[in-house]
Amino acid sequence: MKRVLLLMAAASLGTAFGQGTTYIPVAEGSTTTPRLNVDGDSGQVYIYTGGFFPRGTVPRRFTFLWGFAGPAGNTTGYITPLLFEVVAGPDNPIYLVRSIGHGFPVSINSSPQTIPFAIAYGDTVTTNFAYTFGYVNAIVNSAGQEALMSSGTVEMDYPEDSGAGVGGAKTLNNWMATGDGGITVALGTTFGTSGADFPWVNYFPERTYSALAEGIVPTQ
Protein backbone atom coordinates (compact mmCIF):
# COMPACT_ATOMS: atom_id res chain seq x y z
CA MET A 1 0.00 0.00 0.00
CA LYS A 2 2.74 2.47 0.95
CA ARG A 3 4.61 1.70 -2.30
CA VAL A 4 1.43 2.41 -4.29
CA LEU A 5 0.95 5.75 -2.52
CA LEU A 6 4.55 6.77 -3.20
CA LEU A 7 4.19 5.89 -6.88
CA MET A 8 0.94 7.87 -7.07
CA ALA A 9 2.66 10.89 -5.50
CA ALA A 10 5.51 10.68 -8.01
CA ALA A 11 3.06 10.47 -10.91
CA SER A 12 1.10 13.49 -9.72
CA LEU A 13 4.28 15.54 -9.42
CA GLY A 14 5.22 14.65 -12.97
CA THR A 15 1.83 15.86 -14.16
CA ALA A 16 1.98 19.05 -12.11
CA PHE A 17 5.45 20.16 -13.16
CA GLY A 18 5.82 18.52 -16.56
CA GLN A 19 7.81 15.48 -17.56
CA GLY A 20 10.88 17.54 -18.48
CA THR A 21 11.20 19.17 -15.06
CA THR A 22 14.38 18.49 -13.08
CA TYR A 23 14.58 18.47 -9.29
CA ILE A 24 16.99 19.00 -6.43
CA PRO A 25 16.39 16.60 -3.51
CA VAL A 26 16.34 18.15 -0.03
CA ALA A 27 16.03 16.74 3.49
CA GLU A 28 15.65 18.22 6.96
CA GLY A 29 15.44 16.70 10.42
CA SER A 30 17.59 14.21 12.29
CA THR A 31 19.03 10.79 11.52
CA THR A 32 16.70 7.82 11.93
CA THR A 33 19.09 6.10 14.32
CA PRO A 34 18.24 4.46 17.68
CA ARG A 35 17.67 6.86 20.57
CA LEU A 36 16.91 6.31 24.24
CA ASN A 37 13.28 7.38 24.77
CA VAL A 38 9.75 7.33 23.39
CA ASP A 39 7.08 9.84 24.46
CA GLY A 40 4.26 8.75 26.72
CA ASP A 41 1.77 11.57 26.11
CA SER A 42 -1.03 11.04 23.60
CA GLY A 43 -1.91 13.11 20.52
CA GLN A 44 0.98 15.56 20.84
CA VAL A 45 2.77 17.71 18.22
CA TYR A 46 6.52 17.55 17.52
CA ILE A 47 8.30 20.21 15.45
CA TYR A 48 11.78 20.27 13.97
CA THR A 49 13.30 23.63 14.94
CA GLY A 50 16.86 23.07 13.72
CA GLY A 51 16.55 24.12 10.07
CA PHE A 52 14.34 25.16 7.17
CA PHE A 53 13.36 23.94 3.71
CA PRO A 54 14.38 25.95 0.64
CA ARG A 55 11.63 28.01 -0.95
CA GLY A 56 9.72 25.94 -3.50
CA THR A 57 10.11 22.60 -1.71
CA VAL A 58 7.48 19.96 -2.46
CA PRO A 59 7.35 17.46 0.45
CA ARG A 60 7.58 13.82 -0.58
CA ARG A 61 8.42 11.44 2.29
CA PHE A 62 8.51 11.24 6.09
CA THR A 63 10.92 8.69 7.57
CA PHE A 64 11.11 7.72 11.23
CA LEU A 65 12.41 5.08 13.64
CA TRP A 66 10.22 3.49 16.31
CA GLY A 67 11.86 0.35 17.62
CA PHE A 68 10.45 -0.05 21.15
CA ALA A 69 7.40 0.80 23.24
CA GLY A 70 7.45 3.89 25.42
CA PRO A 71 5.90 4.48 28.85
CA ALA A 72 2.35 4.05 27.51
CA GLY A 73 3.17 0.57 26.22
CA ASN A 74 1.60 1.06 22.79
CA THR A 75 3.10 -0.87 19.86
CA THR A 76 0.83 0.74 17.26
CA GLY A 77 -0.05 4.38 16.73
CA TYR A 78 -0.57 7.22 14.25
CA ILE A 79 1.52 9.83 12.44
CA THR A 80 0.30 12.78 10.41
CA PRO A 81 3.09 14.92 8.89
CA LEU A 82 2.72 18.71 9.07
CA LEU A 83 4.34 21.79 7.53
CA PHE A 84 4.91 24.92 9.63
CA GLU A 85 5.95 28.46 8.85
CA VAL A 86 8.03 30.27 11.45
CA VAL A 87 6.51 33.71 12.14
CA ALA A 88 7.20 36.49 14.62
CA GLY A 89 5.67 36.17 18.08
CA PRO A 90 5.46 38.68 20.95
CA ASP A 91 8.77 37.46 22.42
CA ASN A 92 10.09 34.60 20.28
CA PRO A 93 9.28 33.04 16.91
CA ILE A 94 6.21 30.80 16.82
CA TYR A 95 5.31 27.96 14.46
CA LEU A 96 2.14 28.31 12.35
CA VAL A 97 0.48 25.29 10.71
CA ARG A 98 0.55 25.76 6.93
CA SER A 99 -0.12 22.20 5.72
CA ILE A 100 -1.68 18.99 7.00
CA GLY A 101 -0.51 15.75 5.42
CA HIS A 102 -2.38 12.48 5.08
CA GLY A 103 -2.15 10.47 8.29
CA PHE A 104 -1.16 6.81 8.61
CA PRO A 105 -1.34 4.04 11.20
CA VAL A 106 2.15 2.85 12.16
CA SER A 107 3.63 0.08 14.29
CA ILE A 108 6.92 -0.80 15.94
CA ASN A 109 9.73 -1.90 13.63
CA SER A 110 13.44 -2.26 14.31
CA SER A 111 14.24 -0.56 10.97
CA PRO A 112 13.35 2.97 9.82
CA GLN A 113 9.95 3.29 8.15
CA THR A 114 8.76 5.71 5.47
CA ILE A 115 5.29 7.12 4.83
CA PRO A 116 4.25 9.56 2.09
CA PHE A 117 4.35 13.26 2.99
CA ALA A 118 1.35 14.01 0.78
CA ILE A 119 -0.50 17.23 1.56
CA ALA A 120 -4.22 16.87 2.26
CA TYR A 121 -4.93 20.49 3.26
CA GLY A 122 -2.97 23.73 2.91
CA ASP A 123 0.18 24.70 1.05
CA THR A 124 1.55 22.01 -1.27
CA VAL A 125 4.81 23.95 -1.81
CA THR A 126 6.87 26.02 0.64
CA THR A 127 6.46 29.67 -0.33
CA ASN A 128 9.47 31.15 1.48
CA PHE A 129 12.58 30.16 3.42
CA ALA A 130 10.83 29.91 6.82
CA TYR A 131 9.11 26.51 6.47
CA THR A 132 9.92 23.49 8.59
CA PHE A 133 8.07 20.26 9.35
CA GLY A 134 6.76 18.17 12.19
CA TYR A 135 4.08 15.64 12.98
CA VAL A 136 1.22 14.84 15.32
CA ASN A 137 0.54 11.43 16.88
CA ALA A 138 -2.98 11.37 15.49
CA ILE A 139 -5.18 11.06 12.44
CA VAL A 140 -6.92 14.42 11.98
CA ASN A 141 -9.89 15.70 10.00
CA SER A 142 -10.06 18.72 7.68
CA ALA A 143 -10.51 21.02 10.70
CA GLY A 144 -7.31 19.69 12.29
CA GLN A 145 -9.20 17.87 15.05
CA GLU A 146 -7.79 14.57 16.27
CA ALA A 147 -10.09 11.73 15.23
CA LEU A 148 -7.69 8.98 16.37
CA MET A 149 -4.64 9.52 18.58
CA SER A 150 -1.79 7.59 20.13
CA SER A 151 1.16 7.98 22.42
CA GLY A 152 4.69 8.35 21.05
CA THR A 153 5.72 6.64 17.80
CA VAL A 154 9.26 8.01 17.28
CA GLU A 155 12.41 7.47 19.33
CA MET A 156 14.01 10.57 20.88
CA ASP A 157 16.89 11.88 22.96
CA TYR A 158 16.50 14.42 25.77
CA PRO A 159 18.37 16.74 25.84
CA GLU A 160 19.02 17.30 22.13
CA ASP A 161 21.94 15.73 20.27
CA SER A 162 24.90 17.89 19.34
CA GLY A 163 26.08 18.34 15.76
CA ALA A 164 24.33 19.05 12.50
CA GLY A 165 21.00 17.71 11.36
CA VAL A 166 20.54 15.84 8.08
CA GLY A 167 20.21 19.18 6.25
CA GLY A 168 23.92 19.96 6.58
CA ALA A 169 26.37 22.16 8.40
CA LYS A 170 24.00 25.08 9.10
CA THR A 171 21.32 22.91 10.72
CA LEU A 172 20.88 21.46 14.21
CA ASN A 173 19.21 18.42 15.81
CA ASN A 174 16.76 20.55 17.77
CA TRP A 175 13.08 19.66 18.16
CA MET A 176 10.28 20.94 20.39
CA ALA A 177 7.11 19.24 21.66
CA THR A 178 3.72 20.02 23.16
CA GLY A 179 2.29 18.52 26.32
CA ASP A 180 -1.32 19.77 26.48
CA GLY A 181 -4.60 17.97 26.09
CA GLY A 182 -7.06 19.10 23.44
CA ILE A 183 -4.45 19.68 20.74
CA THR A 184 -5.70 20.70 17.29
CA VAL A 185 -3.62 21.31 14.17
CA ALA A 186 -6.04 23.36 12.08
CA LEU A 187 -4.43 25.54 9.42
CA GLY A 188 -3.27 28.74 11.11
CA THR A 189 -2.86 27.18 14.58
CA THR A 190 0.34 28.30 16.31
CA PHE A 191 2.80 26.54 18.61
CA GLY A 192 5.64 27.98 20.68
CA THR A 193 6.18 30.41 23.51
CA SER A 194 4.04 33.37 24.59
CA GLY A 195 1.37 34.34 22.07
CA ALA A 196 0.98 30.83 20.60
CA ASP A 197 -2.23 28.80 20.72
CA PHE A 198 -0.38 25.83 22.27
CA PRO A 199 2.85 26.08 24.32
CA TRP A 200 5.88 23.83 24.35
CA VAL A 201 5.87 21.26 27.15
CA ASN A 202 9.27 22.67 28.14
CA TYR A 203 11.48 25.34 26.66
CA PHE A 204 14.96 24.06 27.50
CA PRO A 205 16.62 21.75 26.96
CA GLU A 206 15.26 20.80 23.56
CA ARG A 207 15.02 17.27 22.12
CA THR A 208 16.07 15.18 19.12
CA TYR A 209 13.62 12.87 17.35
CA SER A 210 14.59 10.07 14.97
CA ALA A 211 12.66 11.54 12.05
CA LEU A 212 13.34 13.42 8.83
CA ALA A 213 11.36 14.80 5.92
CA GLU A 214 12.44 14.71 2.28
CA GLY A 215 11.26 16.81 -0.59
CA ILE A 216 12.18 18.10 -4.03
CA VAL A 217 12.74 21.59 -5.40
CA PRO A 218 11.90 21.92 -9.13
CA THR A 219 14.72 23.70 -10.98
CA GLN A 220 13.15 24.19 -14.42
C-alpha atoms as a PDB file:
ATOM      1  CA  MET A   1       0.000   0.000   0.000  1.00  0.00           C
ATOM      2  CA  LYS A   2       2.738   2.468   0.947  1.00  0.00           C
ATOM      3  CA  ARG A   3       4.609   1.697  -2.300  1.00  0.00           C
ATOM      4  CA  VAL A   4       1.428   2.412  -4.290  1.00  0.00           C
ATOM      5  CA  LEU A   5       0.952   5.747  -2.522  1.00  0.00           C
ATOM      6  CA  LEU A   6       4.552   6.769  -3.199  1.00  0.00           C
ATOM      7  CA  LEU A   7       4.193   5.889  -6.884  1.00  0.00           C
ATOM      8  CA  MET A   8       0.939   7.867  -7.067  1.00  0.00           C
ATOM      9  CA  ALA A   9       2.664  10.892  -5.502  1.00  0.00           C
ATOM     10  CA  ALA A  10       5.509  10.683  -8.006  1.00  0.00           C
ATOM     11  CA  ALA A  11       3.057  10.469 -10.911  1.00  0.00           C
ATOM     12  CA  SER A  12       1.104  13.490  -9.721  1.00  0.00           C
ATOM     13  CA  LEU A  13       4.282  15.540  -9.424  1.00  0.00           C
ATOM     14  CA  GLY A  14       5.222  14.651 -12.975  1.00  0.00           C
ATOM     15  CA  THR A  15       1.831  15.856 -14.162  1.00  0.00           C
ATOM     16  CA  ALA A  16       1.977  19.049 -12.112  1.00  0.00           C
ATOM     17  CA  PHE A  17       5.454  20.158 -13.158  1.00  0.00           C
ATOM     18  CA  GLY A  18       5.819  18.522 -16.560  1.00  0.00           C
ATOM     19  CA  GLN A  19       7.808  15.476 -17.562  1.00  0.00           C
ATOM     20  CA  GLY A  20      10.885  17.542 -18.477  1.00  0.00           C
ATOM     21  CA  THR A  21      11.201  19.165 -15.057  1.00  0.00           C
ATOM     22  CA  THR A  22      14.379  18.488 -13.084  1.00  0.00           C
ATOM     23  CA  TYR A  23      14.582  18.473  -9.295  1.00  0.00           C
ATOM     24  CA  ILE A  24      16.992  19.003  -6.431  1.00  0.00           C
ATOM     25  CA  PRO A  25      16.385  16.601  -3.509  1.00  0.00           C
ATOM     26  CA  VAL A  26      16.342  18.153  -0.033  1.00  0.00           C
ATOM     27  CA  ALA A  27      16.026  16.743   3.485  1.00  0.00           C
ATOM     28  CA  GLU A  28      15.650  18.219   6.961  1.00  0.00           C
ATOM     29  CA  GLY A  29      15.440  16.695  10.415  1.00  0.00           C
ATOM     30  CA  SER A  30      17.594  14.207  12.291  1.00  0.00           C
ATOM     31  CA  THR A  31      19.031  10.789  11.524  1.00  0.00           C
ATOM     32  CA  THR A  32      16.696   7.820  11.926  1.00  0.00           C
ATOM     33  CA  THR A  33      19.088   6.100  14.319  1.00  0.00           C
ATOM     34  CA  PRO A  34      18.237   4.460  17.684  1.00  0.00           C
ATOM     35  CA  ARG A  35      17.669   6.857  20.573  1.00  0.00           C
ATOM     36  CA  LEU A  36      16.912   6.314  24.240  1.00  0.00           C
ATOM     37  CA  ASN A  37      13.285   7.378  24.775  1.00  0.00           C
ATOM     38  CA  VAL A  38       9.747   7.334  23.387  1.00  0.00           C
ATOM     39  CA  ASP A  39       7.081   9.844  24.464  1.00  0.00           C
ATOM     40  CA  GLY A  40       4.257   8.748  26.725  1.00  0.00           C
ATOM     41  CA  ASP A  41       1.770  11.574  26.115  1.00  0.00           C
ATOM     42  CA  SER A  42      -1.029  11.037  23.598  1.00  0.00           C
ATOM     43  CA  GLY A  43      -1.909  13.110  20.523  1.00  0.00           C
ATOM     44  CA  GLN A  44       0.984  15.564  20.836  1.00  0.00           C
ATOM     45  CA  VAL A  45       2.767  17.713  18.223  1.00  0.00           C
ATOM     46  CA  TYR A  46       6.516  17.548  17.522  1.00  0.00           C
ATOM     47  CA  ILE A  47       8.297  20.208  15.450  1.00  0.00           C
ATOM     48  CA  TYR A  48      11.782  20.271  13.967  1.00  0.00           C
ATOM     49  CA  THR A  49      13.302  23.633  14.938  1.00  0.00           C
ATOM     50  CA  GLY A  50      16.863  23.071  13.722  1.00  0.00           C
ATOM     51  CA  GLY A  51      16.554  24.115  10.072  1.00  0.00           C
ATOM     52  CA  PHE A  52      14.335  25.158   7.175  1.00  0.00           C
ATOM     53  CA  PHE A  53      13.365  23.936   3.711  1.00  0.00           C
ATOM     54  CA  PRO A  54      14.380  25.947   0.643  1.00  0.00           C
ATOM     55  CA  ARG A  55      11.629  28.006  -0.955  1.00  0.00           C
ATOM     56  CA  GLY A  56       9.716  25.943  -3.504  1.00  0.00           C
ATOM     57  CA  THR A  57      10.110  22.604  -1.713  1.00  0.00           C
ATOM     58  CA  VAL A  58       7.476  19.961  -2.457  1.00  0.00           C
ATOM     59  CA  PRO A  59       7.355  17.462   0.447  1.00  0.00           C
ATOM     60  CA  ARG A  60       7.577  13.816  -0.583  1.00  0.00           C
ATOM     61  CA  ARG A  61       8.423  11.443   2.285  1.00  0.00           C
ATOM     62  CA  PHE A  62       8.508  11.243   6.089  1.00  0.00           C
ATOM     63  CA  THR A  63      10.920   8.688   7.570  1.00  0.00           C
ATOM     64  CA  PHE A  64      11.113   7.720  11.228  1.00  0.00           C
ATOM     65  CA  LEU A  65      12.405   5.081  13.642  1.00  0.00           C
ATOM     66  CA  TRP A  66      10.215   3.495  16.311  1.00  0.00           C
ATOM     67  CA  GLY A  67      11.865   0.354  17.623  1.00  0.00           C
ATOM     68  CA  PHE A  68      10.454  -0.050  21.148  1.00  0.00           C
ATOM     69  CA  ALA A  69       7.398   0.796  23.236  1.00  0.00           C
ATOM     70  CA  GLY A  70       7.451   3.888  25.415  1.00  0.00           C
ATOM     71  CA  PRO A  71       5.895   4.484  28.845  1.00  0.00           C
ATOM     72  CA  ALA A  72       2.352   4.053  27.511  1.00  0.00           C
ATOM     73  CA  GLY A  73       3.173   0.568  26.222  1.00  0.00           C
ATOM     74  CA  ASN A  74       1.599   1.057  22.786  1.00  0.00           C
ATOM     75  CA  THR A  75       3.098  -0.873  19.862  1.00  0.00           C
ATOM     76  CA  THR A  76       0.829   0.745  17.260  1.00  0.00           C
ATOM     77  CA  GLY A  77      -0.048   4.380  16.731  1.00  0.00           C
ATOM     78  CA  TYR A  78      -0.570   7.216  14.249  1.00  0.00           C
ATOM     79  CA  ILE A  79       1.519   9.827  12.443  1.00  0.00           C
ATOM     80  CA  THR A  80       0.296  12.777  10.412  1.00  0.00           C
ATOM     81  CA  PRO A  81       3.095  14.924   8.893  1.00  0.00           C
ATOM     82  CA  LEU A  82       2.724  18.711   9.075  1.00  0.00           C
ATOM     83  CA  LEU A  83       4.345  21.795   7.532  1.00  0.00           C
ATOM     84  CA  PHE A  84       4.908  24.915   9.635  1.00  0.00           C
ATOM     85  CA  GLU A  85       5.949  28.460   8.846  1.00  0.00           C
ATOM     86  CA  VAL A  86       8.025  30.272  11.452  1.00  0.00           C
ATOM     87  CA  VAL A  87       6.506  33.710  12.141  1.00  0.00           C
ATOM     88  CA  ALA A  88       7.195  36.492  14.615  1.00  0.00           C
ATOM     89  CA  GLY A  89       5.667  36.169  18.078  1.00  0.00           C
ATOM     90  CA  PRO A  90       5.459  38.678  20.954  1.00  0.00           C
ATOM     91  CA  ASP A  91       8.772  37.461  22.423  1.00  0.00           C
ATOM     92  CA  ASN A  92      10.094  34.603  20.283  1.00  0.00           C
ATOM     93  CA  PRO A  93       9.277  33.037  16.914  1.00  0.00           C
ATOM     94  CA  ILE A  94       6.209  30.795  16.819  1.00  0.00           C
ATOM     95  CA  TYR A  95       5.306  27.964  14.462  1.00  0.00           C
ATOM     96  CA  LEU A  96       2.137  28.309  12.351  1.00  0.00           C
ATOM     97  CA  VAL A  97       0.476  25.286  10.708  1.00  0.00           C
ATOM     98  CA  ARG A  98       0.546  25.758   6.929  1.00  0.00           C
ATOM     99  CA  SER A  99      -0.121  22.200   5.720  1.00  0.00           C
ATOM    100  CA  ILE A 100      -1.675  18.993   7.002  1.00  0.00           C
ATOM    101  CA  GLY A 101      -0.515  15.748   5.420  1.00  0.00           C
ATOM    102  CA  HIS A 102      -2.376  12.480   5.078  1.00  0.00           C
ATOM    103  CA  GLY A 103      -2.148  10.473   8.294  1.00  0.00           C
ATOM    104  CA  PHE A 104      -1.165   6.813   8.614  1.00  0.00           C
ATOM    105  CA  PRO A 105      -1.341   4.037  11.204  1.00  0.00           C
ATOM    106  CA  VAL A 106       2.151   2.853  12.159  1.00  0.00           C
ATOM    107  CA  SER A 107       3.630   0.081  14.285  1.00  0.00           C
ATOM    108  CA  ILE A 108       6.924  -0.796  15.940  1.00  0.00           C
ATOM    109  CA  ASN A 109       9.733  -1.903  13.628  1.00  0.00           C
ATOM    110  CA  SER A 110      13.440  -2.262  14.306  1.00  0.00           C
ATOM    111  CA  SER A 111      14.238  -0.561  10.966  1.00  0.00           C
ATOM    112  CA  PRO A 112      13.352   2.970   9.817  1.00  0.00           C
ATOM    113  CA  GLN A 113       9.950   3.290   8.152  1.00  0.00           C
ATOM    114  CA  THR A 114       8.759   5.709   5.468  1.00  0.00           C
ATOM    115  CA  ILE A 115       5.288   7.116   4.832  1.00  0.00           C
ATOM    116  CA  PRO A 116       4.247   9.558   2.090  1.00  0.00           C
ATOM    117  CA  PHE A 117       4.346  13.256   2.988  1.00  0.00           C
ATOM    118  CA  ALA A 118       1.354  14.007   0.779  1.00  0.00           C
ATOM    119  CA  ILE A 119      -0.497  17.228   1.558  1.00  0.00           C
ATOM    120  CA  ALA A 120      -4.221  16.867   2.261  1.00  0.00           C
ATOM    121  CA  TYR A 121      -4.928  20.490   3.262  1.00  0.00           C
ATOM    122  CA  GLY A 122      -2.970  23.726   2.910  1.00  0.00           C
ATOM    123  CA  ASP A 123       0.181  24.702   1.047  1.00  0.00           C
ATOM    124  CA  THR A 124       1.547  22.014  -1.273  1.00  0.00           C
ATOM    125  CA  VAL A 125       4.810  23.951  -1.815  1.00  0.00           C
ATOM    126  CA  THR A 126       6.868  26.018   0.642  1.00  0.00           C
ATOM    127  CA  THR A 127       6.457  29.674  -0.332  1.00  0.00           C
ATOM    128  CA  ASN A 128       9.470  31.149   1.481  1.00  0.00           C
ATOM    129  CA  PHE A 129      12.580  30.159   3.424  1.00  0.00           C
ATOM    130  CA  ALA A 130      10.826  29.909   6.819  1.00  0.00           C
ATOM    131  CA  TYR A 131       9.109  26.513   6.472  1.00  0.00           C
ATOM    132  CA  THR A 132       9.922  23.486   8.586  1.00  0.00           C
ATOM    133  CA  PHE A 133       8.069  20.255   9.352  1.00  0.00           C
ATOM    134  CA  GLY A 134       6.760  18.174  12.195  1.00  0.00           C
ATOM    135  CA  TYR A 135       4.083  15.640  12.977  1.00  0.00           C
ATOM    136  CA  VAL A 136       1.222  14.841  15.317  1.00  0.00           C
ATOM    137  CA  ASN A 137       0.545  11.426  16.879  1.00  0.00           C
ATOM    138  CA  ALA A 138      -2.977  11.369  15.494  1.00  0.00           C
ATOM    139  CA  ILE A 139      -5.182  11.056  12.444  1.00  0.00           C
ATOM    140  CA  VAL A 140      -6.922  14.415  11.978  1.00  0.00           C
ATOM    141  CA  ASN A 141      -9.893  15.705   9.999  1.00  0.00           C
ATOM    142  CA  SER A 142     -10.059  18.720   7.684  1.00  0.00           C
ATOM    143  CA  ALA A 143     -10.507  21.017  10.701  1.00  0.00           C
ATOM    144  CA  GLY A 144      -7.311  19.685  12.292  1.00  0.00           C
ATOM    145  CA  GLN A 145      -9.202  17.872  15.052  1.00  0.00           C
ATOM    146  CA  GLU A 146      -7.790  14.571  16.267  1.00  0.00           C
ATOM    147  CA  ALA A 147     -10.091  11.726  15.227  1.00  0.00           C
ATOM    148  CA  LEU A 148      -7.686   8.982  16.374  1.00  0.00           C
ATOM    149  CA  MET A 149      -4.642   9.518  18.577  1.00  0.00           C
ATOM    150  CA  SER A 150      -1.793   7.586  20.126  1.00  0.00           C
ATOM    151  CA  SER A 151       1.165   7.980  22.422  1.00  0.00           C
ATOM    152  CA  GLY A 152       4.691   8.347  21.055  1.00  0.00           C
ATOM    153  CA  THR A 153       5.717   6.640  17.803  1.00  0.00           C
ATOM    154  CA  VAL A 154       9.256   8.005  17.280  1.00  0.00           C
ATOM    155  CA  GLU A 155      12.406   7.471  19.327  1.00  0.00           C
ATOM    156  CA  MET A 156      14.008  10.570  20.875  1.00  0.00           C
ATOM    157  CA  ASP A 157      16.888  11.884  22.958  1.00  0.00           C
ATOM    158  CA  TYR A 158      16.497  14.421  25.765  1.00  0.00           C
ATOM    159  CA  PRO A 159      18.366  16.745  25.836  1.00  0.00           C
ATOM    160  CA  GLU A 160      19.015  17.298  22.131  1.00  0.00           C
ATOM    161  CA  ASP A 161      21.938  15.725  20.267  1.00  0.00           C
ATOM    162  CA  SER A 162      24.900  17.893  19.344  1.00  0.00           C
ATOM    163  CA  GLY A 163      26.082  18.343  15.765  1.00  0.00           C
ATOM    164  CA  ALA A 164      24.334  19.052  12.502  1.00  0.00           C
ATOM    165  CA  GLY A 165      20.996  17.706  11.360  1.00  0.00           C
ATOM    166  CA  VAL A 166      20.538  15.843   8.077  1.00  0.00           C
ATOM    167  CA  GLY A 167      20.211  19.176   6.246  1.00  0.00           C
ATOM    168  CA  GLY A 168      23.918  19.960   6.585  1.00  0.00           C
ATOM    169  CA  ALA A 169      26.372  22.160   8.396  1.00  0.00           C
ATOM    170  CA  LYS A 170      23.996  25.083   9.098  1.00  0.00           C
ATOM    171  CA  THR A 171      21.321  22.908  10.715  1.00  0.00           C
ATOM    172  CA  LEU A 172      20.880  21.460  14.210  1.00  0.00           C
ATOM    173  CA  ASN A 173      19.211  18.422  15.806  1.00  0.00           C
ATOM    174  CA  ASN A 174      16.757  20.550  17.775  1.00  0.00           C
ATOM    175  CA  TRP A 175      13.081  19.658  18.156  1.00  0.00           C
ATOM    176  CA  MET A 176      10.278  20.941  20.394  1.00  0.00           C
ATOM    177  CA  ALA A 177       7.108  19.235  21.661  1.00  0.00           C
ATOM    178  CA  THR A 178       3.716  20.021  23.163  1.00  0.00           C
ATOM    179  CA  GLY A 179       2.286  18.518  26.323  1.00  0.00           C
ATOM    180  CA  ASP A 180      -1.315  19.774  26.477  1.00  0.00           C
ATOM    181  CA  GLY A 181      -4.598  17.972  26.093  1.00  0.00           C
ATOM    182  CA  GLY A 182      -7.065  19.101  23.440  1.00  0.00           C
ATOM    183  CA  ILE A 183      -4.448  19.683  20.740  1.00  0.00           C
ATOM    184  CA  THR A 184      -5.701  20.701  17.291  1.00  0.00           C
ATOM    185  CA  VAL A 185      -3.618  21.309  14.168  1.00  0.00           C
ATOM    186  CA  ALA A 186      -6.041  23.364  12.076  1.00  0.00           C
ATOM    187  CA  LEU A 187      -4.431  25.539   9.420  1.00  0.00           C
ATOM    188  CA  GLY A 188      -3.266  28.739  11.106  1.00  0.00           C
ATOM    189  CA  THR A 189      -2.855  27.183  14.578  1.00  0.00           C
ATOM    190  CA  THR A 190       0.336  28.304  16.311  1.00  0.00           C
ATOM    191  CA  PHE A 191       2.797  26.541  18.610  1.00  0.00           C
ATOM    192  CA  GLY A 192       5.636  27.984  20.677  1.00  0.00           C
ATOM    193  CA  THR A 193       6.179  30.412  23.514  1.00  0.00           C
ATOM    194  CA  SER A 194       4.035  33.370  24.588  1.00  0.00           C
ATOM    195  CA  GLY A 195       1.368  34.344  22.068  1.00  0.00           C
ATOM    196  CA  ALA A 196       0.978  30.830  20.600  1.00  0.00           C
ATOM    197  CA  ASP A 197      -2.226  28.796  20.724  1.00  0.00           C
ATOM    198  CA  PHE A 198      -0.380  25.831  22.273  1.00  0.00           C
ATOM    199  CA  PRO A 199       2.846  26.078  24.322  1.00  0.00           C
ATOM    200  CA  TRP A 200       5.881  23.826  24.355  1.00  0.00           C
ATOM    201  CA  VAL A 201       5.866  21.257  27.147  1.00  0.00           C
ATOM    202  CA  ASN A 202       9.267  22.665  28.143  1.00  0.00           C
ATOM    203  CA  TYR A 203      11.479  25.338  26.655  1.00  0.00           C
ATOM    204  CA  PHE A 204      14.957  24.065  27.504  1.00  0.00           C
ATOM    205  CA  PRO A 205      16.621  21.755  26.958  1.00  0.00           C
ATOM    206  CA  GLU A 206      15.256  20.798  23.555  1.00  0.00           C
ATOM    207  CA  ARG A 207      15.019  17.268  22.123  1.00  0.00           C
ATOM    208  CA  THR A 208      16.071  15.181  19.121  1.00  0.00           C
ATOM    209  CA  TYR A 209      13.619  12.866  17.350  1.00  0.00           C
ATOM    210  CA  SER A 210      14.593  10.068  14.965  1.00  0.00           C
ATOM    211  CA  ALA A 211      12.660  11.536  12.050  1.00  0.00           C
ATOM    212  CA  LEU A 212      13.337  13.421   8.826  1.00  0.00           C
ATOM    213  CA  ALA A 213      11.360  14.799   5.924  1.00  0.00           C
ATOM    214  CA  GLU A 214      12.442  14.709   2.284  1.00  0.00           C
ATOM    215  CA  GLY A 215      11.257  16.808  -0.593  1.00  0.00           C
ATOM    216  CA  ILE A 216      12.179  18.097  -4.027  1.00  0.00           C
ATOM    217  CA  VAL A 217      12.738  21.586  -5.404  1.00  0.00           C
ATOM    218  CA  PRO A 218      11.904  21.923  -9.126  1.00  0.00           C
ATOM    219  CA  THR A 219      14.721  23.696 -10.977  1.00  0.00           C
ATOM    220  CA  GLN A 220      13.145  24.191 -14.421  1.00  0.00           C
END
